[in-house]
Amino acid sequence: MVVPIIIPVAMAAEINPFVPALAATFAASFGFMLPVSTPQNAIVYGSGVVPITKMIRSGISFDVLGGLLIVVLLPVMIDLVLGSVG
């Protein structure tokens, strides 16, 4: 949902929309902390077995790790993809 917003903003800023769109896509897939983040989280939370506080405590470490992976690996991926195109 964020990518259709990111692309015109990037184009208006006159930068390649591929880079911010790829970053937004990865960031959206690393949402582990809240029940609405993924369908699996919603199912687990809806069962009533796992309270929201436990989901937040567990998910924050995965969110931080995901953010670090995006920052470290996104430039490598962009070089591989854009390097092979041009």
C-alpha atoms as a PDB file:
ATOM      1  CA  MET A   1       0.000   0.000   0.000  1.00  0.00           C
ATOM      2  CA  VAL A   2       2.910   2.334   0.687  1.00  0.00           C
ATOM      3  CA  VAL A   3       4.635   1.657  -2.644  1.00  0.00           C
ATOM      4  CA  PRO A   4       1.984   3.462  -4.806  1.00  0.00           C
ATOM      5  CA  ILE A   5       2.561   6.524  -2.626  1.00  0.00           C
ATOM      6  CA  ILE A   6       6.363   6.234  -2.611  1.00  0.00           C
ATOM      7  CA  ILE A   7       6.742   6.027  -6.405  1.00  0.00           C
ATOM      8  CA  PRO A   8       5.144   9.397  -7.337  1.00  0.00           C
ATOM      9  CA  VAL A   9       6.897  11.124  -4.428  1.00  0.00           C
ATOM     10  CA  ALA A  10      10.247   9.772  -5.623  1.00  0.00           C
ATOM     11  CA  MET A  11       9.497  10.778  -9.196  1.00  0.00           C
ATOM     12  CA  ALA A  12       8.537  14.286  -8.049  1.00  0.00           C
ATOM     13  CA  ALA A  13      11.859  14.469  -6.194  1.00  0.00           C
ATOM     14  CA  GLU A  14      13.541  13.371  -9.451  1.00  0.00           C
ATOM     15  CA  ILE A  15      15.144  10.244  -7.989  1.00  0.00           C
ATOM     16  CA  ASN A  16      14.936   6.676  -9.190  1.00  0.00           C
ATOM     17  CA  PRO A  17      11.692   5.305  -7.665  1.00  0.00           C
ATOM     18  CA  PHE A  18      13.082   1.756  -7.633  1.00  0.00           C
ATOM     19  CA  VAL A  19      15.252   2.355  -4.558  1.00  0.00           C
ATOM     20  CA  PRO A  20      12.634   3.808  -2.163  1.00  0.00           C
ATOM     21  CA  ALA A  21       9.960   1.409  -3.460  1.00  0.00           C
ATOM     22  CA  LEU A  22      12.216  -1.570  -2.768  1.00  0.00           C
ATOM     23  CA  ALA A  23      13.056  -0.253   0.701  1.00  0.00           C
ATOM     24  CA  ALA A  24       9.359   0.291   1.490  1.00  0.00           C
ATOM     25  CA  THR A  25       8.486  -3.201   0.281  1.00  0.00           C
ATOM     26  CA  PHE A  26      11.086  -4.817   2.509  1.00  0.00           C
ATOM     27  CA  ALA A  27      10.167  -2.626   5.475  1.00  0.00           C
ATOM     28  CA  ALA A  28       6.496  -3.578   5.158  1.00  0.00           C
ATOM     29  CA  SER A  29       7.381  -7.262   5.147  1.00  0.00           C
ATOM     30  CA  PHE A  30       9.363  -6.914   8.393  1.00  0.00           C
ATOM     31  CA  GLY A  31       6.408  -5.798  10.525  1.00  0.00           C
ATOM     32  CA  PHE A  32       6.395  -8.355  13.316  1.00  0.00           C
ATOM     33  CA  MET A  33       5.448  -6.367  16.392  1.00  0.00           C
ATOM     34  CA  LEU A  34       1.713  -5.704  16.149  1.00  0.00           C
ATOM     35  CA  PRO A  35      -1.321  -7.902  15.420  1.00  0.00           C
ATOM     36  CA  VAL A  36      -2.151  -6.027  12.229  1.00  0.00           C
ATOM     37  CA  SER A  37       1.364  -6.457  10.824  1.00  0.00           C
ATOM     38  CA  THR A  38       0.828  -9.846   9.225  1.00  0.00           C
ATOM     39  CA  PRO A  39      -2.121 -12.229   8.890  1.00  0.00           C
ATOM     40  CA  GLN A  40      -0.264 -14.743  11.055  1.00  0.00           C
ATOM     41  CA  ASN A  41       0.082 -12.168  13.835  1.00  0.00           C
ATOM     42  CA  ALA A  42      -3.634 -11.394  13.640  1.00  0.00           C
ATOM     43  CA  ILE A  43      -4.510 -15.076  13.972  1.00  0.00           C
ATOM     44  CA  VAL A  44      -2.207 -15.597  16.946  1.00  0.00           C
ATOM     45  CA  TYR A  45      -3.437 -12.452  18.682  1.00  0.00           C
ATOM     46  CA  GLY A  46      -7.057 -13.324  17.918  1.00  0.00           C
ATOM     47  CA  SER A  47      -6.639 -16.688  19.623  1.00  0.00           C
ATOM     48  CA  GLY A  48      -6.196 -14.911  22.945  1.00  0.00           C
ATOM     49  CA  VAL A  49      -3.239 -17.126  23.878  1.00  0.00           C
ATOM     50  CA  VAL A  50      -0.557 -14.508  23.224  1.00  0.00           C
ATOM     51  CA  PRO A  51      -1.104 -11.081  24.823  1.00  0.00           C
ATOM     52  CA  ILE A  52      -0.153  -7.878  23.004  1.00  0.00           C
ATOM     53  CA  THR A  53       2.659  -7.138  25.465  1.00  0.00           C
ATOM     54  CA  LYS A  54       4.368 -10.420  24.627  1.00  0.00           C
ATOM     55  CA  MET A  55       3.947  -9.767  20.905  1.00  0.00           C
ATOM     56  CA  ILE A  56       5.576  -6.358  21.285  1.00  0.00           C
ATOM     57  CA  ARG A  57       8.469  -7.681  23.377  1.00  0.00           C
ATOM     58  CA  SER A  58       9.130 -10.499  20.917  1.00  0.00           C
ATOM     59  CA  GLY A  59       8.515  -8.519  17.755  1.00  0.00           C
ATOM     60  CA  ILE A  60      10.668  -5.501  18.533  1.00  0.00           C
ATOM     61  CA  SER A  61      13.866  -7.513  18.229  1.00  0.00           C
ATOM     62  CA  PHE A  62      12.768  -8.870  14.847  1.00  0.00           C
ATOM     63  CA  ASP A  63      11.792  -5.369  13.681  1.00  0.00           C
ATOM     64  CA  VAL A  64      15.174  -3.943  14.694  1.00  0.00           C
ATOM     65  CA  LEU A  65      16.999  -6.842  13.031  1.00  0.00           C
ATOM     66  CA  GLY A  66      14.894  -6.384   9.889  1.00  0.00           C
ATOM     67  CA  GLY A  67      15.691  -2.672   9.817  1.00  0.00           C
ATOM     68  CA  LEU A  68      19.399  -3.374  10.120  1.00  0.00           C
ATOM     69  CA  LEU A  69      19.219  -5.954   7.342  1.00  0.00           C
ATOM     70  CA  ILE A  70      17.488  -3.441   5.074  1.00  0.00           C
ATOM     71  CA  VAL A  71      20.105  -0.762   5.760  1.00  0.00           C
ATOM     72  CA  VAL A  72      23.007  -3.155   5.216  1.00  0.00           C
ATOM     73  CA  LEU A  73      21.746  -5.331   2.364  1.00  0.00           C
ATOM     74  CA  LEU A  74      19.610  -2.931   0.310  1.00  0.00           C
ATOM     75  CA  PRO A  75      22.614  -1.133  -1.240  1.00  0.00           C
ATOM     76  CA  VAL A  76      24.087  -4.509  -2.203  1.00  0.00           C
ATOM     77  CA  MET A  77      20.832  -5.601  -3.828  1.00  0.00           C
ATOM     78  CA  ILE A  78      20.489  -2.317  -5.691  1.00  0.00           C
ATOM     79  CA  ASP A  79      24.036  -2.603  -7.027  1.00  0.00           C
ATOM     80  CA  LEU A  80      23.341  -6.142  -8.183  1.00  0.00           C
ATOM     81  CA  VAL A  81      20.054  -5.301  -9.892  1.00  0.00           C
ATOM     82  CA  LEU A  82      20.944  -1.939 -11.376  1.00  0.00           C
ATOM     83  CA  GLY A  83      24.479  -3.061 -12.202  1.00  0.00           C
ATOM     84  CA  SER A  84      23.159  -5.941 -14.287  1.00  0.00           C
ATOM     85  CA  VAL A  85      20.697  -3.676 -16.119  1.00  0.00           C
ATOM     86  CA  GLY A  86      23.109  -0.941 -17.110  1.00  0.00           C
END
